[in-house]
Amino acid sequence: LAQVGLAERMNHLPNELSGGQKQRVAIARALANRPALILADEP
């Protein structure tokens, strides 16, 4: 979450985040297990 610029928003619920912040959370989640491949559908 710090890597995607959300260090100060990590304890917020999704409805307390903007659309861009929600997508950053989704990207952070996608990276969690250090995957070899990221697939993004209309991100």
PDB file of all heavy atoms in Angstrom:
ATOM      1  N   LEU A   1       0.825  -1.201   0.000  1.00  0.00           N
ATOM      2  CA  LEU A   1       0.000   0.000   0.000  1.00  0.00           C
ATOM      3  C   LEU A   1       0.859   1.251   0.000  1.00  0.00           C
ATOM      4  O   LEU A   1       0.513   2.255  -0.643  1.00  0.00           O
ATOM      5  CB  LEU A   1      -0.960  -0.022   1.192  1.00  0.00           C
ATOM      6  CG  LEU A   1      -2.119  -1.012   1.034  1.00  0.00           C
ATOM      7  CD1 LEU A   1      -2.831  -1.223   2.360  1.00  0.00           C
ATOM      8  CD2 LEU A   1      -3.099  -0.518  -0.018  1.00  0.00           C
ATOM      9  N   ALA A   2       1.995   1.212   0.671  1.00  0.00           N
ATOM     10  CA  ALA A   2       2.927   2.339   0.595  1.00  0.00           C
ATOM     11  C   ALA A   2       3.480   2.474  -0.815  1.00  0.00           C
ATOM     12  O   ALA A   2       3.637   3.589  -1.342  1.00  0.00           O
ATOM     13  CB  ALA A   2       4.058   2.144   1.604  1.00  0.00           C
ATOM     14  N   GLN A   3       3.749   1.352  -1.467  1.00  0.00           N
ATOM     15  CA  GLN A   3       4.298   1.367  -2.822  1.00  0.00           C
ATOM     16  C   GLN A   3       3.339   2.028  -3.808  1.00  0.00           C
ATOM     17  O   GLN A   3       3.776   2.701  -4.747  1.00  0.00           O
ATOM     18  CB  GLN A   3       4.600  -0.062  -3.269  1.00  0.00           C
ATOM     19  CG  GLN A   3       5.247  -0.175  -4.641  1.00  0.00           C
ATOM     20  CD  GLN A   3       5.565  -1.613  -5.013  1.00  0.00           C
ATOM     21  OE1 GLN A   3       5.634  -2.488  -4.150  1.00  0.00           O
ATOM     22  NE2 GLN A   3       5.749  -1.868  -6.295  1.00  0.00           N
ATOM     23  N   VAL A   4       2.027   1.857  -3.602  1.00  0.00           N
ATOM     24  CA  VAL A   4       1.050   2.455  -4.513  1.00  0.00           C
ATOM     25  C   VAL A   4       0.531   3.799  -4.003  1.00  0.00           C
ATOM     26  O   VAL A   4      -0.454   4.334  -4.525  1.00  0.00           O
ATOM     27  CB  VAL A   4      -0.126   1.495  -4.796  1.00  0.00           C
ATOM     28  CG1 VAL A   4       0.377   0.204  -5.437  1.00  0.00           C
ATOM     29  CG2 VAL A   4      -0.931   1.200  -3.532  1.00  0.00           C
ATOM     30  N   GLY A   5       1.173   4.346  -2.980  1.00  0.00           N
ATOM     31  CA  GLY A   5       0.848   5.691  -2.521  1.00  0.00           C
ATOM     32  C   GLY A   5      -0.319   5.786  -1.562  1.00  0.00           C
ATOM     33  O   GLY A   5      -0.937   6.845  -1.431  1.00  0.00           O
ATOM     34  N   LEU A   6      -0.610   4.702  -0.838  1.00  0.00           N
ATOM     35  CA  LEU A   6      -1.762   4.710   0.067  1.00  0.00           C
ATOM     36  C   LEU A   6      -1.382   4.397   1.511  1.00  0.00           C
ATOM     37  O   LEU A   6      -2.195   3.864   2.273  1.00  0.00           O
ATOM     38  CB  LEU A   6      -2.818   3.700  -0.418  1.00  0.00           C
ATOM     39  CG  LEU A   6      -3.543   4.044  -1.708  1.00  0.00           C
ATOM     40  CD1 LEU A   6      -4.525   2.937  -2.072  1.00  0.00           C
ATOM     41  CD2 LEU A   6      -4.283   5.374  -1.591  1.00  0.00           C
ATOM     42  N   ALA A   7      -0.189   4.734   1.900  1.00  0.00           N
ATOM     43  CA  ALA A   7       0.258   4.440   3.267  1.00  0.00           C
ATOM     44  C   ALA A   7      -0.654   5.067   4.315  1.00  0.00           C
ATOM     45  O   ALA A   7      -0.863   4.488   5.394  1.00  0.00           O
ATOM     46  CB  ALA A   7       1.693   4.932   3.458  1.00  0.00           C
ATOM     47  N   GLU A   8      -1.231   6.229   4.009  1.00  0.00           N
ATOM     48  CA  GLU A   8      -2.062   6.918   4.982  1.00  0.00           C
ATOM     49  C   GLU A   8      -3.547   6.539   4.885  1.00  0.00           C
ATOM     50  O   GLU A   8      -4.368   7.064   5.632  1.00  0.00           O
ATOM     51  CB  GLU A   8      -1.905   8.433   4.809  1.00  0.00           C
ATOM     52  CG  GLU A   8      -0.480   8.914   5.078  1.00  0.00           C
ATOM     53  CD  GLU A   8      -0.336  10.412   4.920  1.00  0.00           C
ATOM     54  OE1 GLU A   8      -1.320  11.063   4.518  1.00  0.00           O
ATOM     55  OE2 GLU A   8       0.764  10.924   5.200  1.00  0.00           O
ATOM     56  N   ARG A   9      -3.887   5.632   3.960  1.00  0.00           N
ATOM     57  CA  ARG A   9      -5.292   5.264   3.777  1.00  0.00           C
ATOM     58  C   ARG A   9      -5.532   3.775   4.015  1.00  0.00           C
ATOM     59  O   ARG A   9      -6.628   3.276   3.759  1.00  0.00           O
ATOM     60  CB  ARG A   9      -5.736   5.607   2.338  1.00  0.00           C
ATOM     61  CG  ARG A   9      -5.465   7.036   1.903  1.00  0.00           C
ATOM     62  CD  ARG A   9      -6.392   8.016   2.550  1.00  0.00           C
ATOM     63  NE  ARG A   9      -7.731   7.937   1.991  1.00  0.00           N
ATOM     64  CZ  ARG A   9      -8.751   8.683   2.416  1.00  0.00           C
ATOM     65  NH1 ARG A   9      -8.580   9.524   3.431  1.00  0.00           N
ATOM     66  NH2 ARG A   9      -9.952   8.572   1.861  1.00  0.00           N
ATOM     67  N   MET A  10      -4.551   3.073   4.542  1.00  0.00           N
ATOM     68  CA  MET A  10      -4.650   1.613   4.601  1.00  0.00           C
ATOM     69  C   MET A  10      -5.736   1.104   5.532  1.00  0.00           C
ATOM     70  O   MET A  10      -6.223  -0.008   5.370  1.00  0.00           O
ATOM     71  CB  MET A  10      -3.296   1.002   4.960  1.00  0.00           C
ATOM     72  CG  MET A  10      -2.757   1.361   6.314  1.00  0.00           C
ATOM     73  SD  MET A  10      -1.158   0.527   6.595  1.00  0.00           S
ATOM     74  CE  MET A  10      -0.132   1.213   5.302  1.00  0.00           C
ATOM     75  N   ASN A  11      -6.156   1.920   6.503  1.00  0.00           N
ATOM     76  CA  ASN A  11      -7.197   1.472   7.432  1.00  0.00           C
ATOM     77  C   ASN A  11      -8.588   1.947   7.034  1.00  0.00           C
ATOM     78  O   ASN A  11      -9.547   1.757   7.791  1.00  0.00           O
ATOM     79  CB  ASN A  11      -6.859   1.934   8.850  1.00  0.00           C
ATOM     80  CG  ASN A  11      -5.625   1.235   9.394  1.00  0.00           C
ATOM     81  OD1 ASN A  11      -5.484   0.015   9.265  1.00  0.00           O
ATOM     82  ND2 ASN A  11      -4.702   1.992   9.965  1.00  0.00           N
ATOM     83  N   HIS A  12      -8.707   2.554   5.850  1.00  0.00           N
ATOM     84  CA  HIS A  12      -9.999   3.023   5.371  1.00  0.00           C
ATOM     85  C   HIS A  12     -10.748   1.900   4.656  1.00  0.00           C
ATOM     86  O   HIS A  12     -10.142   1.039   4.001  1.00  0.00           O
ATOM     87  CB  HIS A  12      -9.817   4.198   4.415  1.00  0.00           C
ATOM     88  CG  HIS A  12      -9.426   5.466   5.103  1.00  0.00           C
ATOM     89  ND1 HIS A  12      -8.199   5.645   5.708  1.00  0.00           N
ATOM     90  CD2 HIS A  12     -10.102   6.637   5.274  1.00  0.00           C
ATOM     91  CE1 HIS A  12      -8.131   6.856   6.225  1.00  0.00           C
ATOM     92  NE2 HIS A  12      -9.274   7.475   5.984  1.00  0.00           N
ATOM     93  N   LEU A  13     -12.077   1.939   4.756  1.00  0.00           N
ATOM     94  CA  LEU A  13     -12.922   1.012   4.015  1.00  0.00           C
ATOM     95  C   LEU A  13     -13.031   1.465   2.564  1.00  0.00           C
ATOM     96  O   LEU A  13     -12.825   2.648   2.256  1.00  0.00           O
ATOM     97  CB  LEU A  13     -14.315   0.945   4.644  1.00  0.00           C
ATOM     98  CG  LEU A  13     -14.392   0.392   6.072  1.00  0.00           C
ATOM     99  CD1 LEU A  13     -15.819   0.530   6.604  1.00  0.00           C
ATOM    100  CD2 LEU A  13     -13.951  -1.067   6.118  1.00  0.00           C
ATOM    101  N   PRO A  14     -13.363   0.559   1.634  1.00  0.00           N
ATOM    102  CA  PRO A  14     -13.478   0.955   0.227  1.00  0.00           C
ATOM    103  C   PRO A  14     -14.399   2.142  -0.026  1.00  0.00           C
ATOM    104  O   PRO A  14     -14.104   2.995  -0.872  1.00  0.00           O
ATOM    105  CB  PRO A  14     -14.008  -0.316  -0.441  1.00  0.00           C
ATOM    106  CG  PRO A  14     -13.408  -1.416   0.376  1.00  0.00           C
ATOM    107  CD  PRO A  14     -13.473  -0.900   1.798  1.00  0.00           C
ATOM    108  N   ASN A  15     -15.528   2.249   0.720  1.00  0.00           N
ATOM    109  CA  ASN A  15     -16.445   3.366   0.472  1.00  0.00           C
ATOM    110  C   ASN A  15     -15.898   4.695   0.977  1.00  0.00           C
ATOM    111  O   ASN A  15     -16.521   5.743   0.766  1.00  0.00           O
ATOM    112  CB  ASN A  15     -17.833   3.084   1.061  1.00  0.00           C
ATOM    113  CG  ASN A  15     -17.842   2.985   2.582  1.00  0.00           C
ATOM    114  OD1 ASN A  15     -16.835   3.221   3.245  1.00  0.00           O
ATOM    115  ND2 ASN A  15     -18.989   2.634   3.147  1.00  0.00           N
ATOM    116  N   GLU A  16     -14.744   4.669   1.627  1.00  0.00           N
ATOM    117  CA  GLU A  16     -14.082   5.891   2.069  1.00  0.00           C
ATOM    118  C   GLU A  16     -12.932   6.290   1.131  1.00  0.00           C
ATOM    119  O   GLU A  16     -12.196   7.232   1.414  1.00  0.00           O
ATOM    120  CB  GLU A  16     -13.527   5.694   3.487  1.00  0.00           C
ATOM    121  CG  GLU A  16     -14.614   5.402   4.518  1.00  0.00           C
ATOM    122  CD  GLU A  16     -14.053   4.995   5.871  1.00  0.00           C
ATOM    123  OE1 GLU A  16     -13.022   4.283   5.909  1.00  0.00           O
ATOM    124  OE2 GLU A  16     -14.652   5.380   6.882  1.00  0.00           O
ATOM    125  N   LEU A  17     -12.816   5.569   0.023  1.00  0.00           N
ATOM    126  CA  LEU A  17     -11.742   5.809  -0.939  1.00  0.00           C
ATOM    127  C   LEU A  17     -12.311   6.275  -2.265  1.00  0.00           C
ATOM    128  O   LEU A  17     -13.438   5.917  -2.642  1.00  0.00           O
ATOM    129  CB  LEU A  17     -10.930   4.529  -1.155  1.00  0.00           C
ATOM    130  CG  LEU A  17     -10.281   3.893   0.080  1.00  0.00           C
ATOM    131  CD1 LEU A  17      -9.657   2.559  -0.301  1.00  0.00           C
ATOM    132  CD2 LEU A  17      -9.237   4.819   0.695  1.00  0.00           C
ATOM    133  N   SER A  18     -11.528   7.053  -3.002  1.00  0.00           N
ATOM    134  CA  SER A  18     -11.916   7.445  -4.356  1.00  0.00           C
ATOM    135  C   SER A  18     -11.741   6.265  -5.305  1.00  0.00           C
ATOM    136  O   SER A  18     -11.136   5.241  -4.955  1.00  0.00           O
ATOM    137  CB  SER A  18     -11.046   8.607  -4.834  1.00  0.00           C
ATOM    138  OG  SER A  18      -9.700   8.168  -5.038  1.00  0.00           O
ATOM    139  N   GLY A  19     -12.266   6.414  -6.542  1.00  0.00           N
ATOM    140  CA  GLY A  19     -12.113   5.344  -7.518  1.00  0.00           C
ATOM    141  C   GLY A  19     -10.654   5.016  -7.789  1.00  0.00           C
ATOM    142  O   GLY A  19     -10.274   3.844  -7.857  1.00  0.00           O
ATOM    143  N   GLY A  20      -9.840   6.029  -7.937  1.00  0.00           N
ATOM    144  CA  GLY A  20      -8.420   5.796  -8.181  1.00  0.00           C
ATOM    145  C   GLY A  20      -7.740   5.106  -7.023  1.00  0.00           C
ATOM    146  O   GLY A  20      -6.878   4.231  -7.216  1.00  0.00           O
ATOM    147  N   GLN A  21      -8.129   5.476  -5.793  1.00  0.00           N
ATOM    148  CA  GLN A  21      -7.547   4.829  -4.618  1.00  0.00           C
ATOM    149  C   GLN A  21      -7.990   3.372  -4.527  1.00  0.00           C
ATOM    150  O   GLN A  21      -7.194   2.495  -4.176  1.00  0.00           O
ATOM    151  CB  GLN A  21      -7.951   5.601  -3.363  1.00  0.00           C
ATOM    152  CG  GLN A  21      -7.262   6.953  -3.238  1.00  0.00           C
ATOM    153  CD  GLN A  21      -7.835   7.802  -2.114  1.00  0.00           C
ATOM    154  OE1 GLN A  21      -8.988   7.633  -1.718  1.00  0.00           O
ATOM    155  NE2 GLN A  21      -7.033   8.721  -1.610  1.00  0.00           N
ATOM    156  N   LYS A  22      -9.253   3.095  -4.863  1.00  0.00           N
ATOM    157  CA  LYS A  22      -9.719   1.705  -4.867  1.00  0.00           C
ATOM    158  C   LYS A  22      -8.915   0.877  -5.858  1.00  0.00           C
ATOM    159  O   LYS A  22      -8.537  -0.265  -5.569  1.00  0.00           O
ATOM    160  CB  LYS A  22     -11.204   1.648  -5.230  1.00  0.00           C
ATOM    161  CG  LYS A  22     -12.138   2.200  -4.176  1.00  0.00           C
ATOM    162  CD  LYS A  22     -13.576   2.188  -4.677  1.00  0.00           C
ATOM    163  CE  LYS A  22     -14.506   2.864  -3.703  1.00  0.00           C
ATOM    164  NZ  LYS A  22     -15.898   2.940  -4.215  1.00  0.00           N
ATOM    165  N   GLN A  23      -8.639   1.442  -7.037  1.00  0.00           N
ATOM    166  CA  GLN A  23      -7.879   0.678  -8.026  1.00  0.00           C
ATOM    167  C   GLN A  23      -6.445   0.465  -7.565  1.00  0.00           C
ATOM    168  O   GLN A  23      -5.844  -0.575  -7.852  1.00  0.00           O
ATOM    169  CB  GLN A  23      -7.925   1.373  -9.384  1.00  0.00           C
ATOM    170  CG  GLN A  23      -7.526   0.491 -10.564  1.00  0.00           C
ATOM    171  CD  GLN A  23      -8.406  -0.735 -10.718  1.00  0.00           C
ATOM    172  OE1 GLN A  23      -8.370  -1.647  -9.877  1.00  0.00           O
ATOM    173  NE2 GLN A  23      -9.187  -0.756 -11.784  1.00  0.00           N
ATOM    174  N   ARG A  24      -5.884   1.424  -6.853  1.00  0.00           N
ATOM    175  CA  ARG A  24      -4.540   1.236  -6.296  1.00  0.00           C
ATOM    176  C   ARG A  24      -4.524   0.113  -5.266  1.00  0.00           C
ATOM    177  O   ARG A  24      -3.581  -0.682  -5.199  1.00  0.00           O
ATOM    178  CB  ARG A  24      -4.022   2.537  -5.681  1.00  0.00           C
ATOM    179  CG  ARG A  24      -3.649   3.585  -6.714  1.00  0.00           C
ATOM    180  CD  ARG A  24      -3.284   4.922  -6.072  1.00  0.00           C
ATOM    181  NE  ARG A  24      -2.966   5.898  -7.094  1.00  0.00           N
ATOM    182  CZ  ARG A  24      -1.742   6.139  -7.552  1.00  0.00           C
ATOM    183  NH1 ARG A  24      -0.704   5.459  -7.057  1.00  0.00           N
ATOM    184  NH2 ARG A  24      -1.533   7.043  -8.485  1.00  0.00           N
ATOM    185  N   VAL A  25      -5.578   0.026  -4.459  1.00  0.00           N
ATOM    186  CA  VAL A  25      -5.694  -1.090  -3.517  1.00  0.00           C
ATOM    187  C   VAL A  25      -5.761  -2.411  -4.286  1.00  0.00           C
ATOM    188  O   VAL A  25      -5.106  -3.394  -3.926  1.00  0.00           O
ATOM    189  CB  VAL A  25      -6.940  -0.932  -2.617  1.00  0.00           C
ATOM    190  CG1 VAL A  25      -7.127  -2.175  -1.742  1.00  0.00           C
ATOM    191  CG2 VAL A  25      -6.815   0.307  -1.742  1.00  0.00           C
ATOM    192  N   ALA A  26      -6.544  -2.418  -5.365  1.00  0.00           N
ATOM    193  CA  ALA A  26      -6.670  -3.636  -6.171  1.00  0.00           C
ATOM    194  C   ALA A  26      -5.333  -4.039  -6.778  1.00  0.00           C
ATOM    195  O   ALA A  26      -5.010  -5.234  -6.861  1.00  0.00           O
ATOM    196  CB  ALA A  26      -7.715  -3.425  -7.267  1.00  0.00           C
ATOM    197  N   ILE A  27      -4.552  -3.054  -7.205  1.00  0.00           N
ATOM    198  CA  ILE A  27      -3.234  -3.355  -7.770  1.00  0.00           C
ATOM    199  C   ILE A  27      -2.305  -3.899  -6.685  1.00  0.00           C
ATOM    200  O   ILE A  27      -1.571  -4.870  -6.901  1.00  0.00           O
ATOM    201  CB  ILE A  27      -2.646  -2.108  -8.448  1.00  0.00           C
ATOM    202  CG1 ILE A  27      -3.470  -1.766  -9.701  1.00  0.00           C
ATOM    203  CG2 ILE A  27      -1.178  -2.328  -8.813  1.00  0.00           C
ATOM    204  CD1 ILE A  27      -3.142  -0.412 -10.301  1.00  0.00           C
ATOM    205  N   ALA A  28      -2.349  -3.285  -5.505  1.00  0.00           N
ATOM    206  CA  ALA A  28      -1.534  -3.783  -4.395  1.00  0.00           C
ATOM    207  C   ALA A  28      -1.904  -5.223  -4.065  1.00  0.00           C
ATOM    208  O   ALA A  28      -1.035  -6.079  -3.842  1.00  0.00           O
ATOM    209  CB  ALA A  28      -1.718  -2.888  -3.168  1.00  0.00           C
ATOM    210  N   ARG A  29      -3.205  -5.508  -4.059  1.00  0.00           N
ATOM    211  CA  ARG A  29      -3.661  -6.887  -3.793  1.00  0.00           C
ATOM    212  C   ARG A  29      -3.159  -7.849  -4.865  1.00  0.00           C
ATOM    213  O   ARG A  29      -2.736  -8.971  -4.573  1.00  0.00           O
ATOM    214  CB  ARG A  29      -5.185  -6.913  -3.731  1.00  0.00           C
ATOM    215  CG  ARG A  29      -5.780  -8.279  -3.449  1.00  0.00           C
ATOM    216  CD  ARG A  29      -7.298  -8.237  -3.496  1.00  0.00           C
ATOM    217  NE  ARG A  29      -7.780  -7.781  -4.798  1.00  0.00           N
ATOM    218  CZ  ARG A  29      -9.045  -7.428  -5.041  1.00  0.00           C
ATOM    219  NH1 ARG A  29      -9.944  -7.479  -4.075  1.00  0.00           N
ATOM    220  NH2 ARG A  29      -9.399  -7.026  -6.252  1.00  0.00           N
ATOM    221  N   ALA A  30      -3.181  -7.395  -6.120  1.00  0.00           N
ATOM    222  CA  ALA A  30      -2.714  -8.246  -7.224  1.00  0.00           C
ATOM    223  C   ALA A  30      -1.232  -8.582  -7.085  1.00  0.00           C
ATOM    224  O   ALA A  30      -0.785  -9.629  -7.546  1.00  0.00           O
ATOM    225  CB  ALA A  30      -2.972  -7.552  -8.554  1.00  0.00           C
ATOM    226  N   LEU A  31      -0.481  -7.700  -6.470  1.00  0.00           N
ATOM    227  CA  LEU A  31       0.965  -7.895  -6.324  1.00  0.00           C
ATOM    228  C   LEU A  31       1.340  -8.692  -5.075  1.00  0.00           C
ATOM    229  O   LEU A  31       2.519  -9.021  -4.886  1.00  0.00           O
ATOM    230  CB  LEU A  31       1.666  -6.530  -6.257  1.00  0.00           C
ATOM    231  CG  LEU A  31       1.643  -5.686  -7.533  1.00  0.00           C
ATOM    232  CD1 LEU A  31       2.114  -4.266  -7.227  1.00  0.00           C
ATOM    233  CD2 LEU A  31       2.520  -6.308  -8.604  1.00  0.00           C
ATOM    234  N   ALA A  32       0.362  -9.012  -4.238  1.00  0.00           N
ATOM    235  CA  ALA A  32       0.651  -9.532  -2.898  1.00  0.00           C
ATOM    236  C   ALA A  32       1.579 -10.732  -2.903  1.00  0.00           C
ATOM    237  O   ALA A  32       2.547 -10.791  -2.137  1.00  0.00           O
ATOM    238  CB  ALA A  32      -0.651  -9.861  -2.176  1.00  0.00           C
ATOM    239  N   ASN A  33       1.312 -11.713  -3.741  1.00  0.00           N
ATOM    240  CA  ASN A  33       2.105 -12.942  -3.750  1.00  0.00           C
ATOM    241  C   ASN A  33       3.267 -12.907  -4.741  1.00  0.00           C
ATOM    242  O   ASN A  33       3.785 -13.957  -5.130  1.00  0.00           O
ATOM    243  CB  ASN A  33       1.201 -14.143  -4.056  1.00  0.00           C
ATOM    244  CG  ASN A  33       0.482 -14.656  -2.819  1.00  0.00           C
ATOM    245  OD1 ASN A  33       1.077 -14.769  -1.752  1.00  0.00           O
ATOM    246  ND2 ASN A  33      -0.800 -14.956  -2.960  1.00  0.00           N
ATOM    247  N   ARG A  34       3.655 -11.696  -5.131  1.00  0.00           N
ATOM    248  CA  ARG A  34       4.739 -11.508  -6.106  1.00  0.00           C
ATOM    249  C   ARG A  34       4.496 -12.346  -7.367  1.00  0.00           C
ATOM    250  O   ARG A  34       5.344 -13.168  -7.761  1.00  0.00           O
ATOM    251  CB  ARG A  34       6.095 -11.847  -5.490  1.00  0.00           C
ATOM    252  CG  ARG A  34       6.478 -10.944  -4.314  1.00  0.00           C
ATOM    253  CD  ARG A  34       7.851 -11.293  -3.759  1.00  0.00           C
ATOM    254  NE  ARG A  34       8.243 -10.358  -2.719  1.00  0.00           N
ATOM    255  CZ  ARG A  34       7.965 -10.517  -1.414  1.00  0.00           C
ATOM    256  NH1 ARG A  34       7.303 -11.593  -1.023  1.00  0.00           N
ATOM    257  NH2 ARG A  34       8.350  -9.625  -0.530  1.00  0.00           N
ATOM    258  N   PRO A  35       3.355 -12.144  -8.021  1.00  0.00           N
ATOM    259  CA  PRO A  35       3.032 -12.969  -9.188  1.00  0.00           C
ATOM    260  C   PRO A  35       3.954 -12.668 -10.358  1.00  0.00           C
ATOM    261  O   PRO A  35       4.489 -11.562 -10.487  1.00  0.00           O
ATOM    262  CB  PRO A  35       1.590 -12.561  -9.510  1.00  0.00           C
ATOM    263  CG  PRO A  35       1.499 -11.149  -9.040  1.00  0.00           C
ATOM    264  CD  PRO A  35       2.332 -11.114  -7.781  1.00  0.00           C
ATOM    265  N   ALA A  36       4.095 -13.648 -11.224  1.00  0.00           N
ATOM    266  CA  ALA A  36       4.901 -13.449 -12.427  1.00  0.00           C
ATOM    267  C   ALA A  36       4.135 -12.650 -13.472  1.00  0.00           C
ATOM    268  O   ALA A  36       4.744 -12.030 -14.354  1.00  0.00           O
ATOM    269  CB  ALA A  36       5.295 -14.805 -13.005  1.00  0.00           C
ATOM    270  N   LEU A  37       2.796 -12.650 -13.380  1.00  0.00           N
ATOM    271  CA  LEU A  37       1.961 -12.062 -14.416  1.00  0.00           C
ATOM    272  C   LEU A  37       0.816 -11.279 -13.782  1.00  0.00           C
ATOM    273  O   LEU A  37       0.136 -11.785 -12.885  1.00  0.00           O
ATOM    274  CB  LEU A  37       1.396 -13.180 -15.306  1.00  0.00           C
ATOM    275  CG  LEU A  37       0.384 -12.812 -16.387  1.00  0.00           C
ATOM    276  CD1 LEU A  37       1.018 -11.933 -17.449  1.00  0.00           C
ATOM    277  CD2 LEU A  37      -0.203 -14.079 -17.017  1.00  0.00           C
ATOM    278  N   ILE A  38       0.596 -10.043 -14.264  1.00  0.00           N
ATOM    279  CA  ILE A  38      -0.558  -9.243 -13.874  1.00  0.00           C
ATOM    280  C   ILE A  38      -1.492  -9.145 -15.070  1.00  0.00           C
ATOM    281  O   ILE A  38      -1.077  -8.749 -16.166  1.00  0.00           O
ATOM    282  CB  ILE A  38      -0.148  -7.821 -13.435  1.00  0.00           C
ATOM    283  CG1 ILE A  38       0.701  -7.856 -12.164  1.00  0.00           C
ATOM    284  CG2 ILE A  38      -1.387  -6.937 -13.233  1.00  0.00           C
ATOM    285  CD1 ILE A  38      -0.064  -8.206 -10.923  1.00  0.00           C
ATOM    286  N   LEU A  39      -2.772  -9.499 -14.867  1.00  0.00           N
ATOM    287  CA  LEU A  39      -3.802  -9.368 -15.893  1.00  0.00           C
ATOM    288  C   LEU A  39      -4.788  -8.299 -15.434  1.00  0.00           C
ATOM    289  O   LEU A  39      -5.382  -8.426 -14.358  1.00  0.00           O
ATOM    290  CB  LEU A  39      -4.534 -10.692 -16.096  1.00  0.00           C
ATOM    291  CG  LEU A  39      -3.683 -11.876 -16.569  1.00  0.00           C
ATOM    292  CD1 LEU A  39      -4.526 -13.144 -16.611  1.00  0.00           C
ATOM    293  CD2 LEU A  39      -3.070 -11.601 -17.942  1.00  0.00           C
ATOM    294  N   ALA A  40      -4.957  -7.257 -16.241  1.00  0.00           N
ATOM    295  CA  ALA A  40      -5.822  -6.140 -15.876  1.00  0.00           C
ATOM    296  C   ALA A  40      -6.912  -5.976 -16.935  1.00  0.00           C
ATOM    297  O   ALA A  40      -6.616  -5.711 -18.096  1.00  0.00           O
ATOM    298  CB  ALA A  40      -5.008  -4.857 -15.751  1.00  0.00           C
ATOM    299  N   ASP A  41      -8.162  -6.142 -16.535  1.00  0.00           N
ATOM    300  CA  ASP A  41      -9.296  -6.069 -17.456  1.00  0.00           C
ATOM    301  C   ASP A  41      -9.968  -4.704 -17.326  1.00  0.00           C
ATOM    302  O   ASP A  41     -10.619  -4.419 -16.321  1.00  0.00           O
ATOM    303  CB  ASP A  41     -10.292  -7.185 -17.137  1.00  0.00           C
ATOM    304  CG  ASP A  41     -11.345  -7.350 -18.221  1.00  0.00           C
ATOM    305  OD1 ASP A  41     -11.286  -6.624 -19.230  1.00  0.00           O
ATOM    306  OD2 ASP A  41     -12.228  -8.212 -18.057  1.00  0.00           O
ATOM    307  N   GLU A  42      -9.795  -3.842 -18.336  1.00  0.00           N
ATOM    308  CA  GLU A  42     -10.350  -2.486 -18.346  1.00  0.00           C
ATOM    309  C   GLU A  42     -10.064  -1.768 -17.019  1.00  0.00           C
ATOM    310  O   GLU A  42     -10.979  -1.271 -16.351  1.00  0.00           O
ATOM    311  CB  GLU A  42     -11.855  -2.518 -18.613  1.00  0.00           C
ATOM    312  CG  GLU A  42     -12.245  -3.108 -19.960  1.00  0.00           C
ATOM    313  CD  GLU A  42     -11.987  -2.162 -21.136  1.00  0.00           C
ATOM    314  OE1 GLU A  42     -11.443  -1.066 -20.913  1.00  0.00           O
ATOM    315  OE2 GLU A  42     -12.331  -2.532 -22.275  1.00  0.00           O
ATOM    316  N   PRO A  43      -8.793  -1.681 -16.600  1.00  0.00           N
ATOM    317  CA  PRO A  43      -8.488  -1.148 -15.265  1.00  0.00           C
ATOM    318  C   PRO A  43      -8.812   0.326 -15.091  1.00  0.00           C
ATOM    319  O   PRO A  43      -8.876   0.817 -13.952  1.00  0.00           O
ATOM    320  CB  PRO A  43      -6.983  -1.399 -15.128  1.00  0.00           C
ATOM    321  CG  PRO A  43      -6.476  -1.385 -16.533  1.00  0.00           C
ATOM    322  CD  PRO A  43      -7.571  -2.044 -17.337  1.00  0.00           C
TER     323      PRO A  43
END
